[in-house]
Amino acid sequence: MVEVEIVRRNGRIVSFSLRGHADAGPHGHDLVCAAVSALSIGAENAVGELCGVQLECDAGEGGGYLHCAVPDGLDRRTDEKVQLLLEGMVVSIKSIERQYGAYIRLNHRGGE
């Protein structure tokens, strides 16, 4: 199962983590893993390209782990853009969880 954790502080997303494998299909053909990976890496890339902000990320070798944190000290306007992109990722992951709940769990820490 893929465990997705969204950490918030004062309503803002400050980090997100993915752990595990969905095991919803054979290696290389697992749609749940592929979707969650695309969303999380896509969000990281979008924040970098569209906001000029590099998330502080750490990925495990061989997959199965990704942690990204929003750097401190962003100006208000940039932070709002970053938050919108990350909230979009969360909405999409919620959709996957509704349809494939046996393979993915979305957890929130620090209040939604």
PDB file of N, CA and C in Angstrom:
ATOM      1  N   MET A   1       0.839  -1.178   0.000  1.00  0.00           N
ATOM      2  CA  MET A   1       0.000   0.000   0.000  1.00  0.00           C
ATOM      3  C   MET A   1       0.888   1.247   0.000  1.00  0.00           C
ATOM      4  N   VAL A   2       0.473   2.250  -0.761  1.00  0.00           N
ATOM      5  CA  VAL A   2       1.159   3.537  -0.760  1.00  0.00           C
ATOM      6  C   VAL A   2       0.555   4.389   0.348  1.00  0.00           C
ATOM      7  N   GLU A   3       1.394   4.856   1.233  1.00  0.00           N
ATOM      8  CA  GLU A   3       0.981   5.770   2.306  1.00  0.00           C
ATOM      9  C   GLU A   3       1.435   7.164   1.903  1.00  0.00           C
ATOM     10  N   VAL A   4       0.486   8.069   1.770  1.00  0.00           N
ATOM     11  CA  VAL A   4       0.783   9.458   1.437  1.00  0.00           C
ATOM     12  C   VAL A   4       0.481  10.284   2.677  1.00  0.00           C
ATOM     13  N   GLU A   5       1.448  11.081   3.112  1.00  0.00           N
ATOM     14  CA  GLU A   5       1.241  11.943   4.272  1.00  0.00           C
ATOM     15  C   GLU A   5       1.438  13.392   3.857  1.00  0.00           C
ATOM     16  N   ILE A   6       0.453  14.203   4.184  1.00  0.00           N
ATOM     17  CA  ILE A   6       0.504  15.637   3.952  1.00  0.00           C
ATOM     18  C   ILE A   6       0.651  16.300   5.313  1.00  0.00           C
ATOM     19  N   VAL A   7       1.694  17.094   5.480  1.00  0.00           N
ATOM     20  CA  VAL A   7       1.926  17.780   6.755  1.00  0.00           C
ATOM     21  C   VAL A   7       1.611  19.262   6.556  1.00  0.00           C
ATOM     22  N   ARG A   8       0.782  19.771   7.461  1.00  0.00           N
ATOM     23  CA  ARG A   8       0.365  21.174   7.392  1.00  0.00           C
ATOM     24  C   ARG A   8       0.772  21.924   8.652  1.00  0.00           C
ATOM     25  N   ARG A   9       1.014  23.197   8.475  1.00  0.00           N
ATOM     26  CA  ARG A   9       1.259  24.104   9.592  1.00  0.00           C
ATOM     27  C   ARG A   9       0.466  25.370   9.280  1.00  0.00           C
ATOM     28  N   ASN A  10      -0.423  25.740  10.177  1.00  0.00           N
ATOM     29  CA  ASN A  10      -1.292  26.911   9.986  1.00  0.00           C
ATOM     30  C   ASN A  10      -2.055  26.821   8.662  1.00  0.00           C
ATOM     31  N   GLY A  11      -2.510  25.616   8.314  1.00  0.00           N
ATOM     32  CA  GLY A  11      -3.280  25.402   7.104  1.00  0.00           C
ATOM     33  C   GLY A  11      -2.457  25.229   5.832  1.00  0.00           C
ATOM     34  N   ARG A  12      -1.188  25.571   5.876  1.00  0.00           N
ATOM     35  CA  ARG A  12      -0.295  25.477   4.712  1.00  0.00           C
ATOM     36  C   ARG A  12       0.328  24.089   4.643  1.00  0.00           C
ATOM     37  N   ILE A  13       0.487  23.588   3.431  1.00  0.00           N
ATOM     38  CA  ILE A  13       1.234  22.345   3.250  1.00  0.00           C
ATOM     39  C   ILE A  13       2.711  22.685   3.396  1.00  0.00           C
ATOM     40  N   VAL A  14       3.375  22.032   4.347  1.00  0.00           N
ATOM     41  CA  VAL A  14       4.803  22.274   4.543  1.00  0.00           C
ATOM     42  C   VAL A  14       5.646  21.108   4.020  1.00  0.00           C
ATOM     43  N   SER A  15       5.009  19.919   3.884  1.00  0.00           N
ATOM     44  CA  SER A  15       5.720  18.787   3.298  1.00  0.00           C
ATOM     45  C   SER A  15       4.740  17.698   2.906  1.00  0.00           C
ATOM     46  N   PHE A  16       5.229  16.801   2.054  1.00  0.00           N
ATOM     47  CA  PHE A  16       4.468  15.597   1.731  1.00  0.00           C
ATOM     48  C   PHE A  16       5.441  14.447   1.580  1.00  0.00           C
ATOM     49  N   SER A  17       4.950  13.254   1.916  1.00  0.00           N
ATOM     50  CA  SER A  17       5.764  12.038   1.835  1.00  0.00           C
ATOM     51  C   SER A  17       4.957  10.923   1.223  1.00  0.00           C
ATOM     52  N   LEU A  18       5.633  10.059   0.478  1.00  0.00           N
ATOM     53  CA  LEU A  18       5.044   8.842  -0.074  1.00  0.00           C
ATOM     54  C   LEU A  18       5.935   7.691   0.361  1.00  0.00           C
ATOM     55  N   ARG A  19       5.290   6.615   0.839  1.00  0.00           N
ATOM     56  CA  ARG A  19       6.031   5.432   1.264  1.00  0.00           C
ATOM     57  C   ARG A  19       5.304   4.188   0.781  1.00  0.00           C
ATOM     58  N   GLY A  20       6.058   3.212   0.357  1.00  0.00           N
ATOM     59  CA  GLY A  20       5.500   1.915   0.019  1.00  0.00           C
ATOM     60  C   GLY A  20       5.177   1.765  -1.451  1.00  0.00           C
ATOM     61  N   HIS A  21       4.601   0.612  -1.763  1.00  0.00           N
ATOM     62  CA  HIS A  21       4.206   0.272  -3.126  1.00  0.00           C
ATOM     63  C   HIS A  21       2.748  -0.158  -3.103  1.00  0.00           C
ATOM     64  N   ALA A  22       2.004   0.207  -4.127  1.00  0.00           N
ATOM     65  CA  ALA A  22       0.579  -0.121  -4.174  1.00  0.00           C
ATOM     66  C   ALA A  22       0.345  -1.612  -4.368  1.00  0.00           C
ATOM     67  N   ASP A  23       1.194  -2.254  -5.151  1.00  0.00           N
ATOM     68  CA  ASP A  23       1.003  -3.667  -5.494  1.00  0.00           C
ATOM     69  C   ASP A  23      -0.372  -3.905  -6.121  1.00  0.00           C
ATOM     70  N   ALA A  24      -0.807  -2.936  -6.941  1.00  0.00           N
ATOM     71  CA  ALA A  24      -2.097  -3.039  -7.627  1.00  0.00           C
ATOM     72  C   ALA A  24      -1.953  -3.723  -8.985  1.00  0.00           C
ATOM     73  N   GLY A  25      -0.731  -4.050  -9.339  1.00  0.00           N
ATOM     74  CA  GLY A  25      -0.463  -4.706 -10.617  1.00  0.00           C
ATOM     75  C   GLY A  25       0.982  -5.141 -10.648  1.00  0.00           C
ATOM     76  N   PRO A  26       1.391  -5.814 -11.703  1.00  0.00           N
ATOM     77  CA  PRO A  26       2.785  -6.249 -11.809  1.00  0.00           C
ATOM     78  C   PRO A  26       3.735  -5.054 -11.868  1.00  0.00           C
ATOM     79  N   HIS A  27       4.945  -5.276 -11.400  1.00  0.00           N
ATOM     80  CA  HIS A  27       5.964  -4.223 -11.436  1.00  0.00           C
ATOM     81  C   HIS A  27       6.057  -3.653 -12.845  1.00  0.00           C
ATOM     82  N   GLY A  28       6.005  -2.325 -12.934  1.00  0.00           N
ATOM     83  CA  GLY A  28       6.062  -1.666 -14.228  1.00  0.00           C
ATOM     84  C   GLY A  28       4.705  -1.489 -14.886  1.00  0.00           C
ATOM     85  N   HIS A  29       3.667  -2.097 -14.313  1.00  0.00           N
ATOM     86  CA  HIS A  29       2.320  -1.994 -14.861  1.00  0.00           C
ATOM     87  C   HIS A  29       1.300  -1.651 -13.771  1.00  0.00           C
ATOM     88  N   ASP A  30       1.774  -1.086 -12.683  1.00  0.00           N
ATOM     89  CA  ASP A  30       0.920  -0.742 -11.545  1.00  0.00           C
ATOM     90  C   ASP A  30       0.395   0.679 -11.741  1.00  0.00           C
ATOM     91  N   LEU A  31      -0.871   0.793 -12.115  1.00  0.00           N
ATOM     92  CA  LEU A  31      -1.453   2.099 -12.422  1.00  0.00           C
ATOM     93  C   LEU A  31      -1.525   3.018 -11.209  1.00  0.00           C
ATOM     94  N   VAL A  32      -1.769   2.469 -10.029  1.00  0.00           N
ATOM     95  CA  VAL A  32      -1.864   3.303  -8.833  1.00  0.00           C
ATOM     96  C   VAL A  32      -0.500   3.911  -8.519  1.00  0.00           C
ATOM     97  N   CYS A  33       0.539   3.087  -8.517  1.00  0.00           N
ATOM     98  CA  CYS A  33       1.894   3.607  -8.269  1.00  0.00           C
ATOM     99  C   CYS A  33       2.279   4.637  -9.327  1.00  0.00           C
ATOM    100  N   ALA A  34       1.981   4.334 -10.566  1.00  0.00           N
ATOM    101  CA  ALA A  34       2.324   5.249 -11.650  1.00  0.00           C
ATOM    102  C   ALA A  34       1.606   6.585 -11.491  1.00  0.00           C
ATOM    103  N   ALA A  35       0.330   6.540 -11.136  1.00  0.00           N
ATOM    104  CA  ALA A  35      -0.443   7.774 -10.989  1.00  0.00           C
ATOM    105  C   ALA A  35       0.071   8.622  -9.831  1.00  0.00           C
ATOM    106  N   VAL A  36       0.304   8.000  -8.696  1.00  0.00           N
ATOM    107  CA  VAL A  36       0.773   8.750  -7.522  1.00  0.00           C
ATOM    108  C   VAL A  36       2.177   9.294  -7.772  1.00  0.00           C
ATOM    109  N   SER A  37       3.020   8.518  -8.416  1.00  0.00           N
ATOM    110  CA  SER A  37       4.367   8.993  -8.747  1.00  0.00           C
ATOM    111  C   SER A  37       4.303  10.179  -9.698  1.00  0.00           C
ATOM    112  N   ALA A  38       3.473  10.068 -10.722  1.00  0.00           N
ATOM    113  CA  ALA A  38       3.344  11.168 -11.690  1.00  0.00           C
ATOM    114  C   ALA A  38       2.829  12.432 -11.023  1.00  0.00           C
ATOM    115  N   LEU A  39       1.856  12.289 -10.144  1.00  0.00           N
ATOM    116  CA  LEU A  39       1.303  13.467  -9.470  1.00  0.00           C
ATOM    117  C   LEU A  39       2.335  14.140  -8.561  1.00  0.00           C
ATOM    118  N   SER A  40       3.041  13.344  -7.776  1.00  0.00           N
ATOM    119  CA  SER A  40       3.988  13.924  -6.822  1.00  0.00           C
ATOM    120  C   SER A  40       5.203  14.528  -7.530  1.00  0.00           C
ATOM    121  N   ILE A  41       5.750  13.825  -8.492  1.00  0.00           N
ATOM    122  CA  ILE A  41       6.901  14.349  -9.233  1.00  0.00           C
ATOM    123  C   ILE A  41       6.466  15.515 -10.104  1.00  0.00           C
ATOM    124  N   GLY A  42       5.251  15.422 -10.666  1.00  0.00           N
ATOM    125  CA  GLY A  42       4.709  16.537 -11.440  1.00  0.00           C
ATOM    126  C   GLY A  42       4.532  17.782 -10.598  1.00  0.00           C
ATOM    127  N   ALA A  43       4.069  17.623  -9.360  1.00  0.00           N
ATOM    128  CA  ALA A  43       3.918  18.774  -8.464  1.00  0.00           C
ATOM    129  C   ALA A  43       5.283  19.380  -8.143  1.00  0.00           C
ATOM    130  N   GLU A  44       6.249  18.519  -7.856  1.00  0.00           N
ATOM    131  CA  GLU A  44       7.611  19.015  -7.586  1.00  0.00           C
ATOM    132  C   GLU A  44       8.139  19.807  -8.783  1.00  0.00           C
ATOM    133  N   ASN A  45       7.978  19.256  -9.977  1.00  0.00           N
ATOM    134  CA  ASN A  45       8.461  19.927 -11.185  1.00  0.00           C
ATOM    135  C   ASN A  45       7.702  21.220 -11.453  1.00  0.00           C
ATOM    136  N   ALA A  46       6.383  21.219 -11.252  1.00  0.00           N
ATOM    137  CA  ALA A  46       5.579  22.411 -11.487  1.00  0.00           C
ATOM    138  C   ALA A  46       5.966  23.533 -10.535  1.00  0.00           C
ATOM    139  N   VAL A  47       6.198  23.201  -9.278  1.00  0.00           N
ATOM    140  CA  VAL A  47       6.626  24.218  -8.305  1.00  0.00           C
ATOM    141  C   VAL A  47       7.957  24.818  -8.748  1.00  0.00           C
ATOM    142  N   GLY A  48       8.865  23.991  -9.209  1.00  0.00           N
ATOM    143  CA  GLY A  48      10.160  24.492  -9.672  1.00  0.00           C
ATOM    144  C   GLY A  48      10.047  25.369 -10.904  1.00  0.00           C
ATOM    145  N   GLU A  49       9.305  24.890 -11.902  1.00  0.00           N
ATOM    146  CA  GLU A  49       9.190  25.614 -13.182  1.00  0.00           C
ATOM    147  C   GLU A  49       8.331  26.869 -13.079  1.00  0.00           C
ATOM    148  N   LEU A  50       7.188  26.770 -12.410  1.00  0.00           N
ATOM    149  CA  LEU A  50       6.218  27.859 -12.409  1.00  0.00           C
ATOM    150  C   LEU A  50       6.418  28.859 -11.284  1.00  0.00           C
ATOM    151  N   CYS A  51       7.054  28.420 -10.207  1.00  0.00           N
ATOM    152  CA  CYS A  51       7.235  29.299  -9.048  1.00  0.00           C
ATOM    153  C   CYS A  51       8.692  29.655  -8.800  1.00  0.00           C
ATOM    154  N   GLY A  52       9.598  28.958  -9.472  1.00  0.00           N
ATOM    155  CA  GLY A  52      11.016  29.207  -9.242  1.00  0.00           C
ATOM    156  C   GLY A  52      11.480  28.764  -7.866  1.00  0.00           C
ATOM    157  N   VAL A  53      10.792  27.772  -7.304  1.00  0.00           N
ATOM    158  CA  VAL A  53      11.098  27.288  -5.958  1.00  0.00           C
ATOM    159  C   VAL A  53      11.486  25.818  -6.052  1.00  0.00           C
ATOM    160  N   GLN A  54      12.628  25.474  -5.507  1.00  0.00           N
ATOM    161  CA  GLN A  54      13.051  24.075  -5.462  1.00  0.00           C
ATOM    162  C   GLN A  54      12.627  23.484  -4.126  1.00  0.00           C
ATOM    163  N   LEU A  55      11.710  22.522  -4.199  1.00  0.00           N
ATOM    164  CA  LEU A  55      11.337  21.816  -2.986  1.00  0.00           C
ATOM    165  C   LEU A  55      12.547  21.017  -2.500  1.00  0.00           C
ATOM    166  N   GLU A  56      12.647  20.849  -1.206  1.00  0.00           N
ATOM    167  CA  GLU A  56      13.735  20.076  -0.614  1.00  0.00           C
ATOM    168  C   GLU A  56      13.279  18.619  -0.600  1.00  0.00           C
ATOM    169  N   CYS A  57      13.781  17.817  -1.538  1.00  0.00           N
ATOM    170  CA  CYS A  57      13.281  16.448  -1.722  1.00  0.00           C
ATOM    171  C   CYS A  57      14.350  15.408  -1.467  1.00  0.00           C
ATOM    172  N   ASP A  58      13.874  14.267  -1.000  1.00  0.00           N
ATOM    173  CA  ASP A  58      14.715  13.102  -0.767  1.00  0.00           C
ATOM    174  C   ASP A  58      13.948  11.894  -1.286  1.00  0.00           C
ATOM    175  N   ALA A  59      14.563  11.107  -2.143  1.00  0.00           N
ATOM    176  CA  ALA A  59      13.919   9.919  -2.703  1.00  0.00           C
ATOM    177  C   ALA A  59      14.746   8.691  -2.372  1.00  0.00           C
ATOM    178  N   GLY A  60      14.062   7.603  -2.071  1.00  0.00           N
ATOM    179  CA  GLY A  60      14.744   6.349  -1.793  1.00  0.00           C
ATOM    180  C   GLY A  60      15.166   5.669  -3.070  1.00  0.00           C
ATOM    181  N   GLU A  61      16.298   5.018  -3.027  1.00  0.00           N
ATOM    182  CA  GLU A  61      16.755   4.265  -4.190  1.00  0.00           C
ATOM    183  C   GLU A  61      15.804   3.114  -4.445  1.00  0.00           C
ATOM    184  N   GLY A  62      15.503   2.867  -5.697  1.00  0.00           N
ATOM    185  CA  GLY A  62      14.609   1.775  -6.054  1.00  0.00           C
ATOM    186  C   GLY A  62      13.136   2.112  -5.888  1.00  0.00           C
ATOM    187  N   GLY A  63      12.824   3.369  -5.601  1.00  0.00           N
ATOM    188  CA  GLY A  63      11.428   3.777  -5.452  1.00  0.00           C
ATOM    189  C   GLY A  63      10.889   3.439  -4.084  1.00  0.00           C
ATOM    190  N   GLY A  64       9.627   3.726  -3.906  1.00  0.00           N
ATOM    191  CA  GLY A  64       8.978   3.408  -2.641  1.00  0.00           C
ATOM    192  C   GLY A  64       9.096   4.466  -1.574  1.00  0.00           C
ATOM    193  N   TYR A  65       9.810   5.561  -1.830  1.00  0.00           N
ATOM    194  CA  TYR A  65       9.922   6.631  -0.841  1.00  0.00           C
ATOM    195  C   TYR A  65      10.227   7.955  -1.527  1.00  0.00           C
ATOM    196  N   LEU A  66       9.464   8.974  -1.140  1.00  0.00           N
ATOM    197  CA  LEU A  66       9.718  10.342  -1.572  1.00  0.00           C
ATOM    198  C   LEU A  66       9.247  11.271  -0.479  1.00  0.00           C
ATOM    199  N   HIS A  67      10.088  12.216  -0.109  1.00  0.00           N
ATOM    200  CA  HIS A  67       9.714  13.250   0.863  1.00  0.00           C
ATOM    201  C   HIS A  67      10.107  14.594   0.270  1.00  0.00           C
ATOM    202  N   CYS A  68       9.164  15.522   0.241  1.00  0.00           N
ATOM    203  CA  CYS A  68       9.434  16.878  -0.250  1.00  0.00           C
ATOM    204  C   CYS A  68       8.925  17.896   0.762  1.00  0.00           C
ATOM    205  N   ALA A  69       9.737  18.915   1.021  1.00  0.00           N
ATOM    206  CA  ALA A  69       9.375  19.976   1.949  1.00  0.00           C
ATOM    207  C   ALA A  69       9.459  21.320   1.245  1.00  0.00           C
ATOM    208  N   VAL A  70       8.542  22.206   1.610  1.00  0.00           N
ATOM    209  CA  VAL A  70       8.539  23.569   1.088  1.00  0.00           C
ATOM    210  C   VAL A  70       9.565  24.363   1.890  1.00  0.00           C
ATOM    211  N   PRO A  71      10.484  25.048   1.226  1.00  0.00           N
ATOM    212  CA  PRO A  71      11.472  25.830   1.972  1.00  0.00           C
ATOM    213  C   PRO A  71      10.814  26.989   2.721  1.00  0.00           C
ATOM    214  N   ASP A  72      11.402  27.357   3.835  1.00  0.00           N
ATOM    215  CA  ASP A  72      10.922  28.505   4.620  1.00  0.00           C
ATOM    216  C   ASP A  72      11.302  29.804   3.925  1.00  0.00           C
ATOM    217  N   GLY A  73      10.610  30.871   4.303  1.00  0.00           N
ATOM    218  CA  GLY A  73      11.011  32.210   3.875  1.00  0.00           C
ATOM    219  C   GLY A  73      10.511  32.652   2.520  1.00  0.00           C
ATOM    220  N   LEU A  74       9.510  31.952   1.953  1.00  0.00           N
ATOM    221  CA  LEU A  74       8.980  32.384   0.660  1.00  0.00           C
ATOM    222  C   LEU A  74       8.122  33.638   0.853  1.00  0.00           C
ATOM    223  N   ASP A  75       8.150  34.516  -0.143  1.00  0.00           N
ATOM    224  CA  ASP A  75       7.259  35.676  -0.051  1.00  0.00           C
ATOM    225  C   ASP A  75       5.819  35.193  -0.214  1.00  0.00           C
ATOM    226  N   ARG A  76       4.862  35.997   0.235  1.00  0.00           N
ATOM    227  CA  ARG A  76       3.458  35.600   0.287  1.00  0.00           C
ATOM    228  C   ARG A  76       2.927  35.162  -1.072  1.00  0.00           C
ATOM    229  N   ARG A  77       3.202  35.919  -2.111  1.00  0.00           N
ATOM    230  CA  ARG A  77       2.668  35.605  -3.439  1.00  0.00           C
ATOM    231  C   ARG A  77       3.226  34.279  -3.967  1.00  0.00           C
ATOM    232  N   THR A  78       4.512  34.082  -3.811  1.00  0.00           N
ATOM    233  CA  THR A  78       5.121  32.823  -4.255  1.00  0.00           C
ATOM    234  C   THR A  78       4.569  31.655  -3.456  1.00  0.00           C
ATOM    235  N   ASP A  79       4.438  31.831  -2.145  1.00  0.00           N
ATOM    236  CA  ASP A  79       3.910  30.762  -1.299  1.00  0.00           C
ATOM    237  C   ASP A  79       2.480  30.404  -1.707  1.00  0.00           C
ATOM    238  N   GLU A  80       1.675  31.386  -2.054  1.00  0.00           N
ATOM    239  CA  GLU A  80       0.305  31.116  -2.499  1.00  0.00           C
ATOM    240  C   GLU A  80       0.299  30.258  -3.765  1.00  0.00           C
ATOM    241  N   LYS A  81       1.202  30.542  -4.687  1.00  0.00           N
ATOM    242  CA  LYS A  81       1.301  29.739  -5.917  1.00  0.00           C
ATOM    243  C   LYS A  81       1.739  28.312  -5.606  1.00  0.00           C
ATOM    244  N   VAL A  82       2.736  28.180  -4.745  1.00  0.00           N
ATOM    245  CA  VAL A  82       3.218  26.853  -4.345  1.00  0.00           C
ATOM    246  C   VAL A  82       2.076  26.070  -3.704  1.00  0.00           C
ATOM    247  N   GLN A  83       1.352  26.724  -2.797  1.00  0.00           N
ATOM    248  CA  GLN A  83       0.258  26.053  -2.103  1.00  0.00           C
ATOM    249  C   GLN A  83      -0.828  25.597  -3.074  1.00  0.00           C
ATOM    250  N   LEU A  84      -1.155  26.418  -4.059  1.00  0.00           N
ATOM    251  CA  LEU A  84      -2.179  26.048  -5.035  1.00  0.00           C
ATOM    252  C   LEU A  84      -1.761  24.800  -5.815  1.00  0.00           C
ATOM    253  N   LEU A  85      -0.523  24.747  -6.227  1.00  0.00           N
ATOM    254  CA  LEU A  85      -0.035  23.567  -6.951  1.00  0.00           C
ATOM    255  C   LEU A  85      -0.060  22.316  -6.071  1.00  0.00           C
ATOM    256  N   LEU A  86       0.355  22.452  -4.820  1.00  0.00           N
ATOM    257  CA  LEU A  86       0.361  21.294  -3.917  1.00  0.00           C
ATOM    258  C   LEU A  86      -1.060  20.868  -3.553  1.00  0.00           C
ATOM    259  N   GLU A  87      -1.964  21.828  -3.389  1.00  0.00           N
ATOM    260  CA  GLU A  87      -3.367  21.481  -3.104  1.00  0.00           C
ATOM    261  C   GLU A  87      -3.972  20.736  -4.289  1.00  0.00           C
ATOM    262  N   GLY A  88      -3.598  21.114  -5.511  1.00  0.00           N
ATOM    263  CA  GLY A  88      -4.053  20.391  -6.691  1.00  0.00           C
ATOM    264  C   GLY A  88      -3.591  18.948  -6.666  1.00  0.00           C
ATOM    265  N   MET A  89      -2.354  18.728  -6.236  1.00  0.00           N
ATOM    266  CA  MET A  89      -1.844  17.367  -6.101  1.00  0.00           C
ATOM    267  C   MET A  89      -2.691  16.581  -5.099  1.00  0.00           C
ATOM    268  N   VAL A  90      -3.015  17.210  -3.961  1.00  0.00           N
ATOM    269  CA  VAL A  90      -3.801  16.536  -2.923  1.00  0.00           C
ATOM    270  C   VAL A  90      -5.190  16.166  -3.452  1.00  0.00           C
ATOM    271  N   VAL A  91      -5.838  17.073  -4.171  1.00  0.00           N
ATOM    272  CA  VAL A  91      -7.159  16.789  -4.747  1.00  0.00           C
ATOM    273  C   VAL A  91      -7.084  15.569  -5.660  1.00  0.00           C
ATOM    274  N   SER A  92      -6.056  15.504  -6.481  1.00  0.00           N
ATOM    275  CA  SER A  92      -5.902  14.379  -7.405  1.00  0.00           C
ATOM    276  C   SER A  92      -5.627  13.073  -6.662  1.00  0.00           C
ATOM    277  N   ILE A  93      -4.808  13.132  -5.627  1.00  0.00           N
ATOM    278  CA  ILE A  93      -4.526  11.922  -4.840  1.00  0.00           C
ATOM    279  C   ILE A  93      -5.789  11.448  -4.126  1.00  0.00           C
ATOM    280  N   LYS A  94      -6.605  12.387  -3.634  1.00  0.00           N
ATOM    281  CA  LYS A  94      -7.887  12.004  -3.009  1.00  0.00           C
ATOM    282  C   LYS A  94      -8.759  11.248  -4.001  1.00  0.00           C
ATOM    283  N   SER A  95      -8.768  11.670  -5.247  1.00  0.00           N
ATOM    284  CA  SER A  95      -9.561  10.989  -6.277  1.00  0.00           C
ATOM    285  C   SER A  95      -9.081   9.558  -6.469  1.00  0.00           C
ATOM    286  N   ILE A  96      -7.775   9.371  -6.483  1.00  0.00           N
ATOM    287  CA  ILE A  96      -7.222   8.026  -6.619  1.00  0.00           C
ATOM    288  C   ILE A  96      -7.592   7.187  -5.402  1.00  0.00           C
ATOM    289  N   GLU A  97      -7.507   7.781  -4.213  1.00  0.00           N
ATOM    290  CA  GLU A  97      -7.839   7.047  -2.990  1.00  0.00           C
ATOM    291  C   GLU A  97      -9.308   6.610  -2.993  1.00  0.00           C
ATOM    292  N   ARG A  98     -10.202   7.462  -3.474  1.00  0.00           N
ATOM    293  CA  ARG A  98     -11.621   7.089  -3.524  1.00  0.00           C
ATOM    294  C   ARG A  98     -11.840   5.866  -4.419  1.00  0.00           C
ATOM    295  N   GLN A  99     -11.131   5.793  -5.510  1.00  0.00           N
ATOM    296  CA  GLN A  99     -11.338   4.698  -6.458  1.00  0.00           C
ATOM    297  C   GLN A  99     -10.504   3.457  -6.132  1.00  0.00           C
ATOM    298  N   TYR A 100      -9.326   3.657  -5.556  1.00  0.00           N
ATOM    299  CA  TYR A 100      -8.395   2.542  -5.326  1.00  0.00           C
ATOM    300  C   TYR A 100      -7.954   2.494  -3.861  1.00  0.00           C
ATOM    301  N   GLY A 101      -8.897   2.673  -2.952  1.00  0.00           N
ATOM    302  CA  GLY A 101      -8.599   2.746  -1.519  1.00  0.00           C
ATOM    303  C   GLY A 101      -7.894   1.545  -0.932  1.00  0.00           C
ATOM    304  N   ALA A 102      -7.979   0.410  -1.589  1.00  0.00           N
ATOM    305  CA  ALA A 102      -7.288  -0.784  -1.090  1.00  0.00           C
ATOM    306  C   ALA A 102      -5.781  -0.689  -1.301  1.00  0.00           C
ATOM    307  N   TYR A 103      -5.336   0.258  -2.130  1.00  0.00           N
ATOM    308  CA  TYR A 103      -3.923   0.346  -2.503  1.00  0.00           C
ATOM    309  C   TYR A 103      -3.233   1.634  -2.079  1.00  0.00           C
ATOM    310  N   ILE A 104      -4.017   2.612  -1.588  1.00  0.00           N
ATOM    311  CA  ILE A 104      -3.444   3.912  -1.237  1.00  0.00           C
ATOM    312  C   ILE A 104      -4.197   4.492  -0.051  1.00  0.00           C
ATOM    313  N   ARG A 105      -3.455   5.120   0.843  1.00  0.00           N
ATOM    314  CA  ARG A 105      -4.051   5.800   1.997  1.00  0.00           C
ATOM    315  C   ARG A 105      -3.436   7.198   2.098  1.00  0.00           C
ATOM    316  N   LEU A 106      -4.310   8.194   2.200  1.00  0.00           N
ATOM    317  CA  LEU A 106      -3.890   9.588   2.326  1.00  0.00           C
ATOM    318  C   LEU A 106      -4.131  10.016   3.761  1.00  0.00           C
ATOM    319  N   ASN A 107      -3.061  10.467   4.422  1.00  0.00           N
ATOM    320  CA  ASN A 107      -3.139  10.921   5.816  1.00  0.00           C
ATOM    321  C   ASN A 107      -2.731  12.386   5.886  1.00  0.00           C
ATOM    322  N   HIS A 108      -3.344  13.087   6.822  1.00  0.00           N
ATOM    323  CA  HIS A 108      -3.006  14.497   7.065  1.00  0.00           C
ATOM    324  C   HIS A 108      -2.486  14.621   8.488  1.00  0.00           C
ATOM    325  N   ARG A 109      -1.471  15.411   8.642  1.00  0.00           N
ATOM    326  CA  ARG A 109      -0.920  15.690   9.973  1.00  0.00           C
ATOM    327  C   ARG A 109      -0.860  17.194  10.139  1.00  0.00           C
ATOM    328  N   GLY A 110      -1.253  17.683  11.287  1.00  0.00           N
ATOM    329  CA  GLY A 110      -1.183  19.115  11.555  1.00  0.00           C
ATOM    330  C   GLY A 110      -2.445  19.854  11.162  1.00  0.00           C
ATOM    331  N   GLY A 111      -3.492  19.151  10.851  1.00  0.00           N
ATOM    332  CA  GLY A 111      -4.769  19.777  10.503  1.00  0.00           C
ATOM    333  C   GLY A 111      -4.873  20.093   9.040  1.00  0.00           C
ATOM    334  N   GLU A 112      -6.070  19.868   8.508  1.00  0.00           N
ATOM    335  CA  GLU A 112      -6.332  20.147   7.084  1.00  0.00           C
ATOM    336  C   GLU A 112      -6.580  21.611   6.959  1.00  0.00           C
TER     337      GLU A 112
END
